[in-house]
Amino acid sequence: YHVGHPEPVTLPRFLPELEEVTLRGGLSEGYLNALGKLMARAGLTRTHKRRERLVKLLSGSMALLKRLGALDEPVSGLHVEVRGVRKGRPATVRYRGTGAMADLTALPLAVATLMVGRGQVQGSGVLAPESPGALDPDVFLQELADRGVVIEPPQIEEG
């Protein structure tokens, strides 16, 4: 499902040669996808106040679901696919990674904060990761790997 993340807005701003950027998300548990769509259609996520109420309601049920054994170990994934031309031929490059949702959301922020503190980020203010003066992607990805976020080496298909 298409989700509201900033990447489709920020990536073309700093990489103007991009023609299309989409971001999608989903859950492997089909019933959770259906529940999410139902909550949205019912208007439970329409305003910030409604979302806050919904979070409070659902947060209280998590402990019960864990005790009942309804929740397994949470694992999330990421998949980045870039299609274009490489050495004059059509090519696709894919990055994939897995980890707990908390690790995939909190650790990148923590690593970026550490990089700012070490002087490894040259820009100032709020920066998109791909903007000039922001994060060195090689250093950033290695820092994540050092903290247990598994990112596979890129897969490249040419031709």
C-alpha atoms as a PDB file:
ATOM      1  CA  TYR A   1       0.000   0.000   0.000  1.00  0.00           C
ATOM      2  CA  HIS A   2       1.196   3.534  -0.659  1.00  0.00           C
ATOM      3  CA  VAL A   3       2.099   5.201   2.635  1.00  0.00           C
ATOM      4  CA  GLY A   4       2.794   8.784   3.665  1.00  0.00           C
ATOM      5  CA  HIS A   5       6.573   9.046   3.965  1.00  0.00           C
ATOM      6  CA  PRO A   6       8.748  11.990   2.883  1.00  0.00           C
ATOM      7  CA  GLU A   7      10.983  10.098   0.431  1.00  0.00           C
ATOM      8  CA  PRO A   8       8.771  10.588  -2.652  1.00  0.00           C
ATOM      9  CA  VAL A   9       9.035  14.349  -1.987  1.00  0.00           C
ATOM     10  CA  THR A  10      12.672  14.674  -0.894  1.00  0.00           C
ATOM     11  CA  LEU A  11      14.433  12.267  -3.269  1.00  0.00           C
ATOM     12  CA  PRO A  12      13.450  14.098  -6.490  1.00  0.00           C
ATOM     13  CA  ARG A  13      14.392  17.399  -4.853  1.00  0.00           C
ATOM     14  CA  PHE A  14      18.017  16.292  -4.519  1.00  0.00           C
ATOM     15  CA  LEU A  15      18.164  13.763  -7.365  1.00  0.00           C
ATOM     16  CA  PRO A  16      16.324  15.628 -10.141  1.00  0.00           C
ATOM     17  CA  GLU A  17      16.998  12.928 -12.730  1.00  0.00           C
ATOM     18  CA  LEU A  18      14.492  10.665 -10.969  1.00  0.00           C
ATOM     19  CA  GLU A  19      11.260  10.166 -12.876  1.00  0.00           C
ATOM     20  CA  GLU A  20       9.185   8.332 -10.291  1.00  0.00           C
ATOM     21  CA  VAL A  21       9.522   7.631  -6.558  1.00  0.00           C
ATOM     22  CA  THR A  22       6.986   5.575  -4.643  1.00  0.00           C
ATOM     23  CA  LEU A  23       6.962   4.242  -1.116  1.00  0.00           C
ATOM     24  CA  ARG A  24       4.784   1.338  -0.068  1.00  0.00           C
ATOM     25  CA  GLY A  25       4.305  -0.536   3.141  1.00  0.00           C
ATOM     26  CA  GLY A  26       2.352  -3.472   4.375  1.00  0.00           C
ATOM     27  CA  LEU A  27       2.136  -6.167   6.992  1.00  0.00           C
ATOM     28  CA  SER A  28       2.564  -9.863   6.335  1.00  0.00           C
ATOM     29  CA  GLU A  29      -0.409 -10.606   8.556  1.00  0.00           C
ATOM     30  CA  GLY A  30      -3.368 -10.120   6.228  1.00  0.00           C
ATOM     31  CA  TYR A  31      -5.781  -9.455   9.066  1.00  0.00           C
ATOM     32  CA  LEU A  32      -3.679  -6.471  10.200  1.00  0.00           C
ATOM     33  CA  ASN A  33      -3.801  -4.953   6.708  1.00  0.00           C
ATOM     34  CA  ALA A  34      -7.588  -5.456   6.657  1.00  0.00           C
ATOM     35  CA  LEU A  35      -7.884  -3.947  10.155  1.00  0.00           C
ATOM     36  CA  GLY A  36      -5.813  -0.917   9.121  1.00  0.00           C
ATOM     37  CA  LYS A  37      -7.996  -0.295   6.060  1.00  0.00           C
ATOM     38  CA  LEU A  38     -11.145  -0.691   8.167  1.00  0.00           C
ATOM     39  CA  MET A  39      -9.908   1.830  10.740  1.00  0.00           C
ATOM     40  CA  ALA A  40      -9.044   4.332   7.990  1.00  0.00           C
ATOM     41  CA  ARG A  41     -12.398   3.906   6.235  1.00  0.00           C
ATOM     42  CA  ALA A  42     -14.201   4.344   9.555  1.00  0.00           C
ATOM     43  CA  GLY A  43     -12.447   7.707   9.984  1.00  0.00           C
ATOM     44  CA  LEU A  44     -10.452   6.612  13.045  1.00  0.00           C
ATOM     45  CA  THR A  45      -7.234   7.998  11.558  1.00  0.00           C
ATOM     46  CA  ARG A  46      -8.641  11.164   9.963  1.00  0.00           C
ATOM     47  CA  THR A  47      -7.275  13.657  12.515  1.00  0.00           C
ATOM     48  CA  HIS A  48      -4.308  13.791  14.853  1.00  0.00           C
ATOM     49  CA  LYS A  49      -6.589  13.619  17.896  1.00  0.00           C
ATOM     50  CA  ARG A  50      -8.357  10.513  16.533  1.00  0.00           C
ATOM     51  CA  ARG A  51      -5.012   8.825  15.816  1.00  0.00           C
ATOM     52  CA  GLU A  52      -3.849   9.558  19.376  1.00  0.00           C
ATOM     53  CA  ARG A  53      -6.998   7.955  20.802  1.00  0.00           C
ATOM     54  CA  LEU A  54      -6.567   4.940  18.551  1.00  0.00           C
ATOM     55  CA  VAL A  55      -2.935   4.501  19.626  1.00  0.00           C
ATOM     56  CA  LYS A  56      -3.958   4.577  23.289  1.00  0.00           C
ATOM     57  CA  LEU A  57      -6.656   1.983  22.671  1.00  0.00           C
ATOM     58  CA  LEU A  58      -4.410  -0.331  20.662  1.00  0.00           C
ATOM     59  CA  SER A  59      -1.394   0.098  22.956  1.00  0.00           C
ATOM     60  CA  GLY A  60      -3.411  -1.275  25.839  1.00  0.00           C
ATOM     61  CA  SER A  61      -4.262  -4.416  23.884  1.00  0.00           C
ATOM     62  CA  MET A  62      -0.658  -5.272  22.945  1.00  0.00           C
ATOM     63  CA  ALA A  63       0.239  -6.671  26.369  1.00  0.00           C
ATOM     64  CA  LEU A  64      -2.869  -8.883  26.319  1.00  0.00           C
ATOM     65  CA  LEU A  65      -2.109 -10.164  22.824  1.00  0.00           C
ATOM     66  CA  LYS A  66       1.473 -10.978  23.832  1.00  0.00           C
ATOM     67  CA  ARG A  67       0.267 -12.935  26.871  1.00  0.00           C
ATOM     68  CA  LEU A  68      -2.129 -14.886  24.677  1.00  0.00           C
ATOM     69  CA  GLY A  69       0.699 -15.714  22.301  1.00  0.00           C
ATOM     70  CA  ALA A  70      -0.957 -13.911  19.393  1.00  0.00           C
ATOM     71  CA  LEU A  71       2.156 -11.893  18.571  1.00  0.00           C
ATOM     72  CA  ASP A  72       5.326 -13.570  17.343  1.00  0.00           C
ATOM     73  CA  GLU A  73       8.725 -11.923  17.297  1.00  0.00           C
ATOM     74  CA  PRO A  74       8.250  -8.767  15.216  1.00  0.00           C
ATOM     75  CA  VAL A  75      10.267  -8.740  12.003  1.00  0.00           C
ATOM     76  CA  SER A  76      10.108  -6.035   9.381  1.00  0.00           C
ATOM     77  CA  GLY A  77      11.754  -5.669   6.046  1.00  0.00           C
ATOM     78  CA  LEU A  78      12.893  -3.023   3.653  1.00  0.00           C
ATOM     79  CA  HIS A  79      13.265  -3.274  -0.097  1.00  0.00           C
ATOM     80  CA  VAL A  80      14.710  -0.521  -2.269  1.00  0.00           C
ATOM     81  CA  GLU A  81      14.596  -0.964  -6.018  1.00  0.00           C
ATOM     82  CA  VAL A  82      16.160   1.447  -8.491  1.00  0.00           C
ATOM     83  CA  ARG A  83      15.542   0.989 -12.220  1.00  0.00           C
ATOM     84  CA  GLY A  84      17.432   2.945 -14.827  1.00  0.00           C
ATOM     85  CA  VAL A  85      20.396   2.829 -17.189  1.00  0.00           C
ATOM     86  CA  ARG A  86      23.840   1.610 -16.164  1.00  0.00           C
ATOM     87  CA  LYS A  87      26.727   1.605 -18.643  1.00  0.00           C
ATOM     88  CA  GLY A  88      24.257   2.350 -21.427  1.00  0.00           C
ATOM     89  CA  ARG A  89      22.018  -0.657 -20.689  1.00  0.00           C
ATOM     90  CA  PRO A  90      18.820  -1.075 -18.653  1.00  0.00           C
ATOM     91  CA  ALA A  91      19.590  -2.111 -15.096  1.00  0.00           C
ATOM     92  CA  THR A  92      17.911  -2.742 -11.762  1.00  0.00           C
ATOM     93  CA  VAL A  93      19.649  -2.435  -8.381  1.00  0.00           C
ATOM     94  CA  ARG A  94      17.972  -3.840  -5.259  1.00  0.00           C
ATOM     95  CA  TYR A  95      18.789  -3.431  -1.590  1.00  0.00           C
ATOM     96  CA  ARG A  96      17.013  -5.530   1.026  1.00  0.00           C
ATOM     97  CA  GLY A  97      17.174  -5.677   4.782  1.00  0.00           C
ATOM     98  CA  THR A  98      15.412  -7.148   7.765  1.00  0.00           C
ATOM     99  CA  GLY A  99      15.077  -6.368  11.440  1.00  0.00           C
ATOM    100  CA  ALA A 100      12.656  -5.557  14.205  1.00  0.00           C
ATOM    101  CA  MET A 101      10.528  -2.489  13.399  1.00  0.00           C
ATOM    102  CA  ALA A 102      11.995  -0.690  16.421  1.00  0.00           C
ATOM    103  CA  ASP A 103      15.501  -1.260  15.049  1.00  0.00           C
ATOM    104  CA  LEU A 104      14.583  -0.163  11.531  1.00  0.00           C
ATOM    105  CA  THR A 105      13.066   3.080  12.798  1.00  0.00           C
ATOM    106  CA  ALA A 106      15.004   4.011  15.951  1.00  0.00           C
ATOM    107  CA  LEU A 107      18.522   2.918  15.020  1.00  0.00           C
ATOM    108  CA  PRO A 108      18.801   5.044  11.852  1.00  0.00           C
ATOM    109  CA  LEU A 109      17.816   8.096  13.888  1.00  0.00           C
ATOM    110  CA  ALA A 110      20.304   7.225  16.635  1.00  0.00           C
ATOM    111  CA  VAL A 111      23.105   6.627  14.109  1.00  0.00           C
ATOM    112  CA  ALA A 112      22.364   9.918  12.330  1.00  0.00           C
ATOM    113  CA  THR A 113      22.443  11.712  15.685  1.00  0.00           C
ATOM    114  CA  LEU A 114      25.816  10.159  16.511  1.00  0.00           C
ATOM    115  CA  MET A 115      27.148  11.192  13.098  1.00  0.00           C
ATOM    116  CA  VAL A 116      26.018  14.785  13.700  1.00  0.00           C
ATOM    117  CA  GLY A 117      27.718  14.745  17.113  1.00  0.00           C
ATOM    118  CA  ARG A 118      30.963  13.436  15.603  1.00  0.00           C
ATOM    119  CA  GLY A 119      30.969  16.169  12.955  1.00  0.00           C
ATOM    120  CA  GLN A 120      30.308  13.668  10.134  1.00  0.00           C
ATOM    121  CA  VAL A 121      27.365  15.731   8.839  1.00  0.00           C
ATOM    122  CA  GLN A 122      28.350  19.011   7.228  1.00  0.00           C
ATOM    123  CA  GLY A 123      24.919  20.544   6.613  1.00  0.00           C
ATOM    124  CA  SER A 124      22.796  22.281   9.202  1.00  0.00           C
ATOM    125  CA  GLY A 125      19.099  22.311   9.975  1.00  0.00           C
ATOM    126  CA  VAL A 126      16.686  19.573   8.975  1.00  0.00           C
ATOM    127  CA  LEU A 127      18.279  17.543   6.182  1.00  0.00           C
ATOM    128  CA  ALA A 128      16.996  14.738   4.014  1.00  0.00           C
ATOM    129  CA  PRO A 129      19.547  11.892   4.145  1.00  0.00           C
ATOM    130  CA  GLU A 130      20.259  12.302   0.417  1.00  0.00           C
ATOM    131  CA  SER A 131      20.797  16.070   0.536  1.00  0.00           C
ATOM    132  CA  PRO A 132      24.278  17.579   0.057  1.00  0.00           C
ATOM    133  CA  GLY A 133      26.213  17.776   3.311  1.00  0.00           C
ATOM    134  CA  ALA A 134      24.110  15.087   4.988  1.00  0.00           C
ATOM    135  CA  LEU A 135      25.029  11.474   5.681  1.00  0.00           C
ATOM    136  CA  ASP A 136      27.761   9.466   3.972  1.00  0.00           C
ATOM    137  CA  PRO A 137      25.700   6.419   2.966  1.00  0.00           C
ATOM    138  CA  ASP A 138      28.592   3.956   3.310  1.00  0.00           C
ATOM    139  CA  VAL A 139      29.380   5.085   6.857  1.00  0.00           C
ATOM    140  CA  PHE A 140      25.681   5.194   7.764  1.00  0.00           C
ATOM    141  CA  LEU A 141      24.931   1.679   6.466  1.00  0.00           C
ATOM    142  CA  GLN A 142      28.026   0.260   8.181  1.00  0.00           C
ATOM    143  CA  GLU A 143      26.980   1.857  11.481  1.00  0.00           C
ATOM    144  CA  LEU A 144      23.553   0.217  11.105  1.00  0.00           C
ATOM    145  CA  ALA A 145      25.137  -3.157  10.323  1.00  0.00           C
ATOM    146  CA  ASP A 146      27.360  -2.809  13.408  1.00  0.00           C
ATOM    147  CA  ARG A 147      24.155  -2.493  15.447  1.00  0.00           C
ATOM    148  CA  GLY A 148      22.480  -5.578  13.985  1.00  0.00           C
ATOM    149  CA  VAL A 149      20.421  -4.205  11.090  1.00  0.00           C
ATOM    150  CA  VAL A 150      21.008  -6.760   8.340  1.00  0.00           C
ATOM    151  CA  ILE A 151      21.226  -5.216   4.877  1.00  0.00           C
ATOM    152  CA  GLU A 152      22.105  -7.559   2.038  1.00  0.00           C
ATOM    153  CA  PRO A 153      24.721  -6.515  -0.506  1.00  0.00           C
ATOM    154  CA  PRO A 154      23.038  -4.891  -3.504  1.00  0.00           C
ATOM    155  CA  GLN A 155      21.749  -7.163  -6.257  1.00  0.00           C
ATOM    156  CA  ILE A 156      22.387  -5.792  -9.723  1.00  0.00           C
ATOM    157  CA  GLU A 157      20.625  -6.996 -12.861  1.00  0.00           C
ATOM    158  CA  GLU A 158      21.869  -5.610 -16.141  1.00  0.00           C
ATOM    159  CA  GLY A 159      20.508  -6.037 -19.631  1.00  0.00           C
END
